[in-house]
């Protein structure tokens, strides 16, 4: 299995069983988890933009760039906590998929 697929598989497992990975499932704890995941990826040479890809944000009606994180933008639009949590995970997954589509290979030591 390609390393990108393994990262996505892990995030899908997290998405399906968030309570197995954290005591309280809140926007803040999920954001912290995703930030840690992204930092770990960076440590192994996988550069995931926390803000997601422009396409993944725009399809959700969110602006890319600027001082506000995607989560802050979702909150300002009145999204429910559950929707914000799910969309935040999807944005990271779509960002990894975009890396995969652009043929930027993830180093084998990630796998």
PDB file of N, CA and C in Angstrom:
ATOM      1  N   UNK A   1       0.855  -1.188   0.000  1.00  0.00           N
ATOM      2  CA  UNK A   1       0.000   0.000   0.000  1.00  0.00           C
ATOM      3  C   UNK A   1       0.892   1.240   0.000  1.00  0.00           C
ATOM      4  N   UNK A   2       0.565   2.214  -0.809  1.00  0.00           N
ATOM      5  CA  UNK A   2       1.341   3.455  -0.873  1.00  0.00           C
ATOM      6  C   UNK A   2       1.267   4.167   0.477  1.00  0.00           C
ATOM      7  N   UNK A   3       2.328   4.904   0.796  1.00  0.00           N
ATOM      8  CA  UNK A   3       2.384   5.597   2.082  1.00  0.00           C
ATOM      9  C   UNK A   3       1.268   6.620   2.247  1.00  0.00           C
ATOM     10  N   UNK A   4       0.899   7.298   1.154  1.00  0.00           N
ATOM     11  CA  UNK A   4      -0.203   8.257   1.233  1.00  0.00           C
ATOM     12  C   UNK A   4      -1.481   7.539   1.646  1.00  0.00           C
ATOM     13  N   UNK A   5      -1.701   6.373   1.069  1.00  0.00           N
ATOM     14  CA  UNK A   5      -2.899   5.599   1.389  1.00  0.00           C
ATOM     15  C   UNK A   5      -2.896   5.168   2.855  1.00  0.00           C
ATOM     16  N   UNK A   6      -1.728   4.865   3.393  1.00  0.00           N
ATOM     17  CA  UNK A   6      -1.639   4.467   4.806  1.00  0.00           C
ATOM     18  C   UNK A   6      -1.974   5.640   5.725  1.00  0.00           C
ATOM     19  N   UNK A   7      -1.518   6.834   5.368  1.00  0.00           N
ATOM     20  CA  UNK A   7      -1.861   8.016   6.169  1.00  0.00           C
ATOM     21  C   UNK A   7      -3.363   8.262   6.131  1.00  0.00           C
ATOM     22  N   UNK A   8      -3.941   8.140   4.946  1.00  0.00           N
ATOM     23  CA  UNK A   8      -5.387   8.338   4.800  1.00  0.00           C
ATOM     24  C   UNK A   8      -6.144   7.259   5.565  1.00  0.00           C
ATOM     25  N   UNK A   9      -5.680   6.022   5.472  1.00  0.00           N
ATOM     26  CA  UNK A   9      -6.315   4.916   6.200  1.00  0.00           C
ATOM     27  C   UNK A   9      -6.305   5.192   7.706  1.00  0.00           C
ATOM     28  N   UNK A  10      -5.188   5.699   8.214  1.00  0.00           N
ATOM     29  CA  UNK A  10      -5.103   6.034   9.634  1.00  0.00           C
ATOM     30  C   UNK A  10      -6.105   7.129   9.998  1.00  0.00           C
ATOM     31  N   UNK A  11      -6.183   8.173   9.174  1.00  0.00           N
ATOM     32  CA  UNK A  11      -7.125   9.262   9.462  1.00  0.00           C
ATOM     33  C   UNK A  11      -8.573   8.786   9.383  1.00  0.00           C
ATOM     34  N   UNK A  12      -8.865   7.873   8.456  1.00  0.00           N
ATOM     35  CA  UNK A  12     -10.228   7.316   8.367  1.00  0.00           C
ATOM     36  C   UNK A  12     -10.550   6.500   9.627  1.00  0.00           C
ATOM     37  N   UNK A  13      -9.559   5.758  10.136  1.00  0.00           N
ATOM     38  CA  UNK A  13      -9.765   5.003  11.378  1.00  0.00           C
ATOM     39  C   UNK A  13     -10.017   5.964  12.538  1.00  0.00           C
ATOM     40  N   UNK A  14      -9.250   7.037  12.598  1.00  0.00           N
ATOM     41  CA  UNK A  14      -9.463   8.060  13.624  1.00  0.00           C
ATOM     42  C   UNK A  14     -10.854   8.661  13.489  1.00  0.00           C
ATOM     43  N   UNK A  15     -11.238   8.981  12.264  1.00  0.00           N
ATOM     44  CA  UNK A  15     -12.537   9.595  12.006  1.00  0.00           C
ATOM     45  C   UNK A  15     -13.681   8.686  12.475  1.00  0.00           C
ATOM     46  N   UNK A  16     -13.539   7.399  12.253  1.00  0.00           N
ATOM     47  CA  UNK A  16     -14.592   6.453  12.613  1.00  0.00           C
ATOM     48  C   UNK A  16     -14.655   6.181  14.119  1.00  0.00           C
ATOM     49  N   UNK A  17     -13.514   6.302  14.811  1.00  0.00           N
ATOM     50  CA  UNK A  17     -13.449   5.948  16.227  1.00  0.00           C
ATOM     51  C   UNK A  17     -12.690   7.007  17.026  1.00  0.00           C
ATOM     52  N   UNK A  18     -13.134   8.227  16.926  1.00  0.00           N
ATOM     53  CA  UNK A  18     -12.437   9.324  17.602  1.00  0.00           C
ATOM     54  C   UNK A  18     -12.290   9.083  19.105  1.00  0.00           C
ATOM     55  N   UNK A  19     -13.304   8.511  19.713  1.00  0.00           N
ATOM     56  CA  UNK A  19     -13.283   8.263  21.151  1.00  0.00           C
ATOM     57  C   UNK A  19     -12.208   7.290  21.591  1.00  0.00           C
ATOM     58  N   UNK A  20     -11.695   6.505  20.664  1.00  0.00           N
ATOM     59  CA  UNK A  20     -10.612   5.581  20.978  1.00  0.00           C
ATOM     60  C   UNK A  20      -9.275   6.320  21.088  1.00  0.00           C
ATOM     61  N   UNK A  21      -9.197   7.488  20.467  1.00  0.00           N
ATOM     62  CA  UNK A  21      -7.950   8.249  20.417  1.00  0.00           C
ATOM     63  C   UNK A  21      -7.917   9.408  21.402  1.00  0.00           C
ATOM     64  N   UNK A  22      -9.077   9.807  21.929  1.00  0.00           N
ATOM     65  CA  UNK A  22      -9.121  10.949  22.844  1.00  0.00           C
ATOM     66  C   UNK A  22     -10.271  10.781  23.822  1.00  0.00           C
ATOM     67  N   UNK A  23     -10.086  11.322  25.011  1.00  0.00           N
ATOM     68  CA  UNK A  23     -11.095  11.173  26.049  1.00  0.00           C
ATOM     69  C   UNK A  23     -12.348  11.993  25.739  1.00  0.00           C
ATOM     70  N   UNK A  24     -12.161  13.240  25.380  1.00  0.00           N
ATOM     71  CA  UNK A  24     -13.284  14.116  25.039  1.00  0.00           C
ATOM     72  C   UNK A  24     -13.141  14.532  23.575  1.00  0.00           C
ATOM     73  N   UNK A  25     -14.184  14.293  22.804  1.00  0.00           N
ATOM     74  CA  UNK A  25     -14.147  14.653  21.386  1.00  0.00           C
ATOM     75  C   UNK A  25     -14.793  16.026  21.235  1.00  0.00           C
ATOM     76  N   UNK A  26     -13.941  17.026  21.088  1.00  0.00           N
ATOM     77  CA  UNK A  26     -14.397  18.402  20.906  1.00  0.00           C
ATOM     78  C   UNK A  26     -13.641  18.994  19.717  1.00  0.00           C
ATOM     79  N   UNK A  27     -14.078  20.154  19.279  1.00  0.00           N
ATOM     80  CA  UNK A  27     -13.352  20.833  18.201  1.00  0.00           C
ATOM     81  C   UNK A  27     -11.893  21.035  18.609  1.00  0.00           C
ATOM     82  N   UNK A  28     -11.675  21.486  19.834  1.00  0.00           N
ATOM     83  CA  UNK A  28     -10.306  21.763  20.290  1.00  0.00           C
ATOM     84  C   UNK A  28      -9.437  20.511  20.334  1.00  0.00           C
ATOM     85  N   UNK A  29      -9.985  19.390  20.843  1.00  0.00           N
ATOM     86  CA  UNK A  29      -9.160  18.181  20.928  1.00  0.00           C
ATOM     87  C   UNK A  29      -8.884  17.601  19.547  1.00  0.00           C
ATOM     88  N   UNK A  30      -9.857  17.674  18.659  1.00  0.00           N
ATOM     89  CA  UNK A  30      -9.632  17.177  17.294  1.00  0.00           C
ATOM     90  C   UNK A  30      -8.626  18.072  16.579  1.00  0.00           C
ATOM     91  N   UNK A  31      -8.740  19.382  16.767  1.00  0.00           N
ATOM     92  CA  UNK A  31      -7.775  20.293  16.151  1.00  0.00           C
ATOM     93  C   UNK A  31      -6.365  20.009  16.674  1.00  0.00           C
ATOM     94  N   UNK A  32      -6.235  19.762  17.980  1.00  0.00           N
ATOM     95  CA  UNK A  32      -4.925  19.428  18.551  1.00  0.00           C
ATOM     96  C   UNK A  32      -4.395  18.116  17.977  1.00  0.00           C
ATOM     97  N   UNK A  33      -5.264  17.125  17.848  1.00  0.00           N
ATOM     98  CA  UNK A  33      -4.865  15.835  17.278  1.00  0.00           C
ATOM     99  C   UNK A  33      -4.371  16.020  15.846  1.00  0.00           C
ATOM    100  N   UNK A  34      -5.141  16.747  15.036  1.00  0.00           N
ATOM    101  CA  UNK A  34      -4.754  16.957  13.635  1.00  0.00           C
ATOM    102  C   UNK A  34      -3.459  17.758  13.535  1.00  0.00           C
ATOM    103  N   UNK A  35      -3.293  18.739  14.413  1.00  0.00           N
ATOM    104  CA  UNK A  35      -2.052  19.514  14.416  1.00  0.00           C
ATOM    105  C   UNK A  35      -0.868  18.606  14.735  1.00  0.00           C
ATOM    106  N   UNK A  36      -1.014  17.743  15.733  1.00  0.00           N
ATOM    107  CA  UNK A  36       0.047  16.797  16.068  1.00  0.00           C
ATOM    108  C   UNK A  36       0.336  15.836  14.928  1.00  0.00           C
ATOM    109  N   UNK A  37      -0.706  15.378  14.258  1.00  0.00           N
ATOM    110  CA  UNK A  37      -0.549  14.489  13.104  1.00  0.00           C
ATOM    111  C   UNK A  37       0.245  15.187  12.007  1.00  0.00           C
ATOM    112  N   UNK A  38      -0.111  16.429  11.732  1.00  0.00           N
ATOM    113  CA  UNK A  38       0.568  17.198  10.683  1.00  0.00           C
ATOM    114  C   UNK A  38       2.023  17.468  11.067  1.00  0.00           C
ATOM    115  N   UNK A  39       2.274  17.801  12.332  1.00  0.00           N
ATOM    116  CA  UNK A  39       3.646  18.034  12.798  1.00  0.00           C
ATOM    117  C   UNK A  39       4.468  16.756  12.651  1.00  0.00           C
ATOM    118  N   UNK A  40       3.894  15.613  13.016  1.00  0.00           N
ATOM    119  CA  UNK A  40       4.602  14.335  12.861  1.00  0.00           C
ATOM    120  C   UNK A  40       4.910  14.064  11.390  1.00  0.00           C
ATOM    121  N   UNK A  41       3.959  14.353  10.525  1.00  0.00           N
ATOM    122  CA  UNK A  41       4.203  14.180   9.087  1.00  0.00           C
ATOM    123  C   UNK A  41       5.354  15.070   8.632  1.00  0.00           C
ATOM    124  N   UNK A  42       5.366  16.325   9.087  1.00  0.00           N
ATOM    125  CA  UNK A  42       6.460  17.243   8.734  1.00  0.00           C
ATOM    126  C   UNK A  42       7.806  16.699   9.212  1.00  0.00           C
ATOM    127  N   UNK A  43       7.824  16.103  10.402  1.00  0.00           N
ATOM    128  CA  UNK A  43       9.069  15.556  10.947  1.00  0.00           C
ATOM    129  C   UNK A  43       9.638  14.457  10.052  1.00  0.00           C
ATOM    130  N   UNK A  44       8.760  13.787   9.306  1.00  0.00           N
ATOM    131  CA  UNK A  44       9.191  12.730   8.394  1.00  0.00           C
ATOM    132  C   UNK A  44       9.235  13.192   6.943  1.00  0.00           C
ATOM    133  N   UNK A  45       9.172  14.507   6.731  1.00  0.00           N
ATOM    134  CA  UNK A  45       9.327  15.046   5.384  1.00  0.00           C
ATOM    135  C   UNK A  45       8.064  15.147   4.562  1.00  0.00           C
ATOM    136  N   UNK A  46       6.910  14.962   5.191  1.00  0.00           N
ATOM    137  CA  UNK A  46       5.634  15.096   4.482  1.00  0.00           C
ATOM    138  C   UNK A  46       5.053  16.450   4.857  1.00  0.00           C
ATOM    139  N   UNK A  47       5.040  17.360   3.919  1.00  0.00           N
ATOM    140  CA  UNK A  47       4.635  18.734   4.214  1.00  0.00           C
ATOM    141  C   UNK A  47       3.171  18.947   3.860  1.00  0.00           C
ATOM    142  N   UNK A  48       2.339  18.836   4.882  1.00  0.00           N
ATOM    143  CA  UNK A  48       0.895  19.008   4.742  1.00  0.00           C
ATOM    144  C   UNK A  48       0.556  20.408   5.221  1.00  0.00           C
ATOM    145  N   UNK A  49      -0.097  21.174   4.387  1.00  0.00           N
ATOM    146  CA  UNK A  49      -0.527  22.523   4.747  1.00  0.00           C
ATOM    147  C   UNK A  49      -1.754  22.408   5.640  1.00  0.00           C
ATOM    148  N   UNK A  50      -1.663  22.883   6.875  1.00  0.00           N
ATOM    149  CA  UNK A  50      -2.786  22.777   7.806  1.00  0.00           C
ATOM    150  C   UNK A  50      -4.043  23.428   7.248  1.00  0.00           C
ATOM    151  N   UNK A  51      -3.865  24.460   6.459  1.00  0.00           N
ATOM    152  CA  UNK A  51      -5.019  25.151   5.889  1.00  0.00           C
ATOM    153  C   UNK A  51      -5.705  24.375   4.786  1.00  0.00           C
ATOM    154  N   UNK A  52      -5.155  23.242   4.407  1.00  0.00           N
ATOM    155  CA  UNK A  52      -5.778  22.446   3.350  1.00  0.00           C
ATOM    156  C   UNK A  52      -5.478  23.004   1.977  1.00  0.00           C
ATOM    157  N   UNK A  53      -6.013  22.335   1.002  1.00  0.00           N
ATOM    158  CA  UNK A  53      -5.841  22.814  -0.360  1.00  0.00           C
ATOM    159  C   UNK A  53      -6.907  23.852  -0.664  1.00  0.00           C
ATOM    160  N   UNK A  54      -6.596  24.720  -1.565  1.00  0.00           N
ATOM    161  CA  UNK A  54      -7.562  25.747  -1.969  1.00  0.00           C
ATOM    162  C   UNK A  54      -8.877  25.105  -2.415  1.00  0.00           C
ATOM    163  N   UNK A  55      -8.768  24.016  -3.186  1.00  0.00           N
ATOM    164  CA  UNK A  55      -9.965  23.355  -3.702  1.00  0.00           C
ATOM    165  C   UNK A  55     -10.824  22.778  -2.576  1.00  0.00           C
ATOM    166  N   UNK A  56     -10.174  22.144  -1.595  1.00  0.00           N
ATOM    167  CA  UNK A  56     -10.946  21.530  -0.508  1.00  0.00           C
ATOM    168  C   UNK A  56     -11.653  22.588   0.336  1.00  0.00           C
ATOM    169  N   UNK A  57     -11.056  23.761   0.452  1.00  0.00           N
ATOM    170  CA  UNK A  57     -11.701  24.843   1.201  1.00  0.00           C
ATOM    171  C   UNK A  57     -12.808  25.496   0.387  1.00  0.00           C
ATOM    172  N   UNK A  58     -12.522  25.777  -0.878  1.00  0.00           N
ATOM    173  CA  UNK A  58     -13.504  26.470  -1.710  1.00  0.00           C
ATOM    174  C   UNK A  58     -14.768  25.648  -1.918  1.00  0.00           C
ATOM    175  N   UNK A  59     -14.636  24.323  -2.027  1.00  0.00           N
ATOM    176  CA  UNK A  59     -15.837  23.505  -2.221  1.00  0.00           C
ATOM    177  C   UNK A  59     -16.735  23.520  -0.986  1.00  0.00           C
ATOM    178  N   UNK A  60     -16.183  23.951   0.133  1.00  0.00           N
ATOM    179  CA  UNK A  60     -16.956  24.088   1.368  1.00  0.00           C
ATOM    180  C   UNK A  60     -17.411  25.530   1.597  1.00  0.00           C
ATOM    181  N   UNK A  61     -17.116  26.389   0.636  1.00  0.00           N
ATOM    182  CA  UNK A  61     -17.493  27.787   0.767  1.00  0.00           C
ATOM    183  C   UNK A  61     -16.595  28.564   1.709  1.00  0.00           C
ATOM    184  N   UNK A  62     -15.369  28.077   1.904  1.00  0.00           N
ATOM    185  CA  UNK A  62     -14.418  28.730   2.803  1.00  0.00           C
ATOM    186  C   UNK A  62     -13.318  29.391   1.996  1.00  0.00           C
ATOM    187  N   UNK A  63     -12.873  30.541   2.462  1.00  0.00           N
ATOM    188  CA  UNK A  63     -11.757  31.224   1.809  1.00  0.00           C
ATOM    189  C   UNK A  63     -10.457  30.585   2.258  1.00  0.00           C
ATOM    190  N   UNK A  64      -9.489  30.563   1.351  1.00  0.00           N
ATOM    191  CA  UNK A  64      -8.167  30.067   1.737  1.00  0.00           C
ATOM    192  C   UNK A  64      -7.262  31.258   2.000  1.00  0.00           C
ATOM    193  N   UNK A  65      -6.270  31.038   2.847  1.00  0.00           N
ATOM    194  CA  UNK A  65      -5.331  32.102   3.171  1.00  0.00           C
ATOM    195  C   UNK A  65      -5.879  33.034   4.234  1.00  0.00           C
ATOM    196  N   UNK A  66      -5.108  34.032   4.538  1.00  0.00           N
ATOM    197  CA  UNK A  66      -5.520  34.997   5.542  1.00  0.00           C
ATOM    198  C   UNK A  66      -5.178  34.543   6.948  1.00  0.00           C
ATOM    199  N   UNK A  67      -5.615  35.322   7.909  1.00  0.00           N
ATOM    200  CA  UNK A  67      -5.245  35.086   9.305  1.00  0.00           C
ATOM    201  C   UNK A  67      -6.127  34.059  10.004  1.00  0.00           C
ATOM    202  N   UNK A  68      -7.255  33.705   9.410  1.00  0.00           N
ATOM    203  CA  UNK A  68      -8.191  32.815  10.086  1.00  0.00           C
ATOM    204  C   UNK A  68      -8.039  31.381   9.605  1.00  0.00           C
ATOM    205  N   UNK A  69      -8.013  30.450  10.558  1.00  0.00           N
ATOM    206  CA  UNK A  69      -7.917  29.031  10.221  1.00  0.00           C
ATOM    207  C   UNK A  69      -9.250  28.571   9.631  1.00  0.00           C
ATOM    208  N   UNK A  70      -9.232  27.439   8.938  1.00  0.00           N
ATOM    209  CA  UNK A  70     -10.499  26.907   8.428  1.00  0.00           C
ATOM    210  C   UNK A  70     -11.528  26.706   9.542  1.00  0.00           C
ATOM    211  N   UNK A  71     -11.084  26.267  10.719  1.00  0.00           N
ATOM    212  CA  UNK A  71     -12.024  26.050  11.822  1.00  0.00           C
ATOM    213  C   UNK A  71     -12.654  27.366  12.260  1.00  0.00           C
ATOM    214  N   UNK A  72     -11.873  28.424  12.336  1.00  0.00           N
ATOM    215  CA  UNK A  72     -12.433  29.735  12.696  1.00  0.00           C
ATOM    216  C   UNK A  72     -13.451  30.181  11.652  1.00  0.00           C
ATOM    217  N   UNK A  73     -13.165  29.917  10.394  1.00  0.00           N
ATOM    218  CA  UNK A  73     -14.100  30.289   9.330  1.00  0.00           C
ATOM    219  C   UNK A  73     -15.394  29.475   9.433  1.00  0.00           C
ATOM    220  N   UNK A  74     -15.267  28.171   9.748  1.00  0.00           N
ATOM    221  CA  UNK A  74     -16.452  27.325   9.901  1.00  0.00           C
ATOM    222  C   UNK A  74     -17.308  27.807  11.066  1.00  0.00           C
ATOM    223  N   UNK A  75     -16.666  28.146  12.178  1.00  0.00           N
ATOM    224  CA  UNK A  75     -17.398  28.652  13.344  1.00  0.00           C
ATOM    225  C   UNK A  75     -18.136  29.938  13.003  1.00  0.00           C
ATOM    226  N   UNK A  76     -17.462  30.819  12.256  1.00  0.00           N
ATOM    227  CA  UNK A  76     -18.083  32.105  11.918  1.00  0.00           C
ATOM    228  C   UNK A  76     -19.289  31.930  11.003  1.00  0.00           C
ATOM    229  N   UNK A  77     -19.340  30.799  10.288  1.00  0.00           N
ATOM    230  CA  UNK A  77     -20.484  30.521   9.418  1.00  0.00           C
ATOM    231  C   UNK A  77     -21.580  29.744  10.146  1.00  0.00           C
ATOM    232  N   UNK A  78     -21.368  29.486  11.439  1.00  0.00           N
ATOM    233  CA  UNK A  78     -22.398  28.844  12.243  1.00  0.00           C
ATOM    234  C   UNK A  78     -22.502  27.333  12.086  1.00  0.00           C
ATOM    235  N   UNK A  79     -21.436  26.698  11.621  1.00  0.00           N
ATOM    236  CA  UNK A  79     -21.469  25.244  11.454  1.00  0.00           C
ATOM    237  C   UNK A  79     -21.550  24.572  12.826  1.00  0.00           C
ATOM    238  N   UNK A  80     -22.183  23.407  12.894  1.00  0.00           N
ATOM    239  CA  UNK A  80     -22.256  22.647  14.145  1.00  0.00           C
ATOM    240  C   UNK A  80     -20.874  22.094  14.492  1.00  0.00           C
ATOM    241  N   UNK A  81     -20.682  21.800  15.769  1.00  0.00           N
ATOM    242  CA  UNK A  81     -19.402  21.238  16.201  1.00  0.00           C
ATOM    243  C   UNK A  81     -19.093  19.942  15.456  1.00  0.00           C
ATOM    244  N   UNK A  82     -20.082  19.058  15.336  1.00  0.00           N
ATOM    245  CA  UNK A  82     -19.866  17.777  14.655  1.00  0.00           C
ATOM    246  C   UNK A  82     -19.454  17.990  13.200  1.00  0.00           C
ATOM    247  N   UNK A  83     -20.100  18.917  12.530  1.00  0.00           N
ATOM    248  CA  UNK A  83     -19.736  19.188  11.133  1.00  0.00           C
ATOM    249  C   UNK A  83     -18.314  19.740  11.046  1.00  0.00           C
ATOM    250  N   UNK A  84     -17.967  20.645  11.937  1.00  0.00           N
ATOM    251  CA  UNK A  84     -16.612  21.215  11.939  1.00  0.00           C
ATOM    252  C   UNK A  84     -15.577  20.114  12.146  1.00  0.00           C
ATOM    253  N   UNK A  85     -15.847  19.217  13.082  1.00  0.00           N
ATOM    254  CA  UNK A  85     -14.918  18.112  13.347  1.00  0.00           C
ATOM    255  C   UNK A  85     -14.749  17.250  12.104  1.00  0.00           C
ATOM    256  N   UNK A  86     -15.850  16.831  11.504  1.00  0.00           N
ATOM    257  CA  UNK A  86     -15.784  15.951  10.328  1.00  0.00           C
ATOM    258  C   UNK A  86     -15.114  16.642   9.142  1.00  0.00           C
ATOM    259  N   UNK A  87     -15.465  17.889   8.896  1.00  0.00           N
ATOM    260  CA  UNK A  87     -14.886  18.613   7.755  1.00  0.00           C
ATOM    261  C   UNK A  87     -13.397  18.877   7.967  1.00  0.00           C
ATOM    262  N   UNK A  88     -12.987  19.116   9.210  1.00  0.00           N
ATOM    263  CA  UNK A  88     -11.564  19.336   9.494  1.00  0.00           C
ATOM    264  C   UNK A  88     -10.744  18.102   9.144  1.00  0.00           C
ATOM    265  N   UNK A  89     -11.257  16.943   9.504  1.00  0.00           N
ATOM    266  CA  UNK A  89     -10.570  15.689   9.171  1.00  0.00           C
ATOM    267  C   UNK A  89     -10.546  15.498   7.659  1.00  0.00           C
ATOM    268  N   UNK A  90     -11.667  15.751   7.010  1.00  0.00           N
ATOM    269  CA  UNK A  90     -11.744  15.593   5.547  1.00  0.00           C
ATOM    270  C   UNK A  90     -10.773  16.524   4.828  1.00  0.00           C
ATOM    271  N   UNK A  91     -10.607  17.731   5.328  1.00  0.00           N
ATOM    272  CA  UNK A  91      -9.681  18.683   4.695  1.00  0.00           C
ATOM    273  C   UNK A  91      -8.257  18.138   4.733  1.00  0.00           C
ATOM    274  N   UNK A  92      -7.847  17.560   5.863  1.00  0.00           N
ATOM    275  CA  UNK A  92      -6.500  16.985   5.948  1.00  0.00           C
ATOM    276  C   UNK A  92      -6.384  15.791   4.998  1.00  0.00           C
ATOM    277  N   UNK A  93      -7.409  14.944   4.952  1.00  0.00           N
ATOM    278  CA  UNK A  93      -7.395  13.798   4.033  1.00  0.00           C
ATOM    279  C   UNK A  93      -7.294  14.275   2.590  1.00  0.00           C
ATOM    280  N   UNK A  94      -8.090  15.259   2.215  1.00  0.00           N
ATOM    281  CA  UNK A  94      -8.060  15.771   0.839  1.00  0.00           C
ATOM    282  C   UNK A  94      -6.716  16.411   0.509  1.00  0.00           C
ATOM    283  N   UNK A  95      -6.081  17.015   1.495  1.00  0.00           N
ATOM    284  CA  UNK A  95      -4.760  17.601   1.271  1.00  0.00           C
ATOM    285  C   UNK A  95      -3.743  16.507   0.972  1.00  0.00           C
ATOM    286  N   UNK A  96      -3.809  15.399   1.698  1.00  0.00           N
ATOM    287  CA  UNK A  96      -2.918  14.267   1.417  1.00  0.00           C
ATOM    288  C   UNK A  96      -3.224  13.686   0.039  1.00  0.00           C
ATOM    289  N   UNK A  97      -4.497  13.590  -0.302  1.00  0.00           N
ATOM    290  CA  UNK A  97      -4.874  13.096  -1.636  1.00  0.00           C
ATOM    291  C   UNK A  97      -4.336  14.006  -2.730  1.00  0.00           C
ATOM    292  N   UNK A  98      -4.329  15.316  -2.481  1.00  0.00           N
ATOM    293  CA  UNK A  98      -3.788  16.258  -3.469  1.00  0.00           C
ATOM    294  C   UNK A  98      -2.284  16.069  -3.623  1.00  0.00           C
ATOM    295  N   UNK A  99      -1.588  15.807  -2.521  1.00  0.00           N
ATOM    296  CA  UNK A  99      -0.153  15.522  -2.588  1.00  0.00           C
ATOM    297  C   UNK A  99       0.066  14.285  -3.445  1.00  0.00           C
ATOM    298  N   UNK A 100      -0.745  13.265  -3.203  1.00  0.00           N
ATOM    299  CA  UNK A 100      -0.652  12.012  -3.947  1.00  0.00           C
ATOM    300  C   UNK A 100      -0.919  12.249  -5.433  1.00  0.00           C
ATOM    301  N   UNK A 101      -1.931  13.035  -5.744  1.00  0.00           N
ATOM    302  CA  UNK A 101      -2.293  13.306  -7.137  1.00  0.00           C
ATOM    303  C   UNK A 101      -1.220  14.108  -7.862  1.00  0.00           C
ATOM    304  N   UNK A 102      -0.497  14.933  -7.114  1.00  0.00           N
ATOM    305  CA  UNK A 102       0.554  15.752  -7.716  1.00  0.00           C
ATOM    306  C   UNK A 102       1.900  15.041  -7.742  1.00  0.00           C
ATOM    307  N   UNK A 103       1.883  13.745  -7.437  1.00  0.00           N
ATOM    308  CA  UNK A 103       3.081  12.897  -7.518  1.00  0.00           C
ATOM    309  C   UNK A 103       4.230  13.398  -6.659  1.00  0.00           C
ATOM    310  N   UNK A 104       3.899  13.924  -5.493  1.00  0.00           N
ATOM    311  CA  UNK A 104       4.944  14.283  -4.536  1.00  0.00           C
ATOM    312  C   UNK A 104       5.048  13.109  -3.574  1.00  0.00           C
ATOM    313  N   UNK A 105       5.927  12.160  -3.850  1.00  0.00           N
ATOM    314  CA  UNK A 105       5.950  10.932  -3.047  1.00  0.00           C
ATOM    315  C   UNK A 105       6.287  11.188  -1.582  1.00  0.00           C
ATOM    316  N   UNK A 106       5.611  10.441  -0.737  1.00  0.00           N
ATOM    317  CA  UNK A 106       5.891  10.475   0.688  1.00  0.00           C
ATOM    318  C   UNK A 106       7.043   9.509   0.941  1.00  0.00           C
ATOM    319  N   UNK A 107       8.044   9.924   1.717  1.00  0.00           N
ATOM    320  CA  UNK A 107       9.196   9.053   1.960  1.00  0.00           C
ATOM    321  C   UNK A 107       8.784   7.699   2.539  1.00  0.00           C
ATOM    322  N   UNK A 108       9.489   6.615   2.175  1.00  0.00           N
ATOM    323  CA  UNK A 108       9.117   5.278   2.634  1.00  0.00           C
ATOM    324  C   UNK A 108       9.200   5.089   4.140  1.00  0.00           C
ATOM    325  N   UNK A 109      10.000   5.892   4.838  1.00  0.00           N
ATOM    326  CA  UNK A 109      10.115   5.705   6.282  1.00  0.00           C
ATOM    327  C   UNK A 109       8.832   6.056   7.025  1.00  0.00           C
ATOM    328  N   UNK A 110       7.862   6.714   6.348  1.00  0.00           N
ATOM    329  CA  UNK A 110       6.561   6.993   6.956  1.00  0.00           C
ATOM    330  C   UNK A 110       5.785   5.689   7.103  1.00  0.00           C
ATOM    331  N   UNK A 111       5.903   4.813   6.125  1.00  0.00           N
ATOM    332  CA  UNK A 111       5.126   3.575   6.081  1.00  0.00           C
ATOM    333  C   UNK A 111       5.542   2.599   7.041  1.00  0.00           C
TER     334      UNK A 111
END
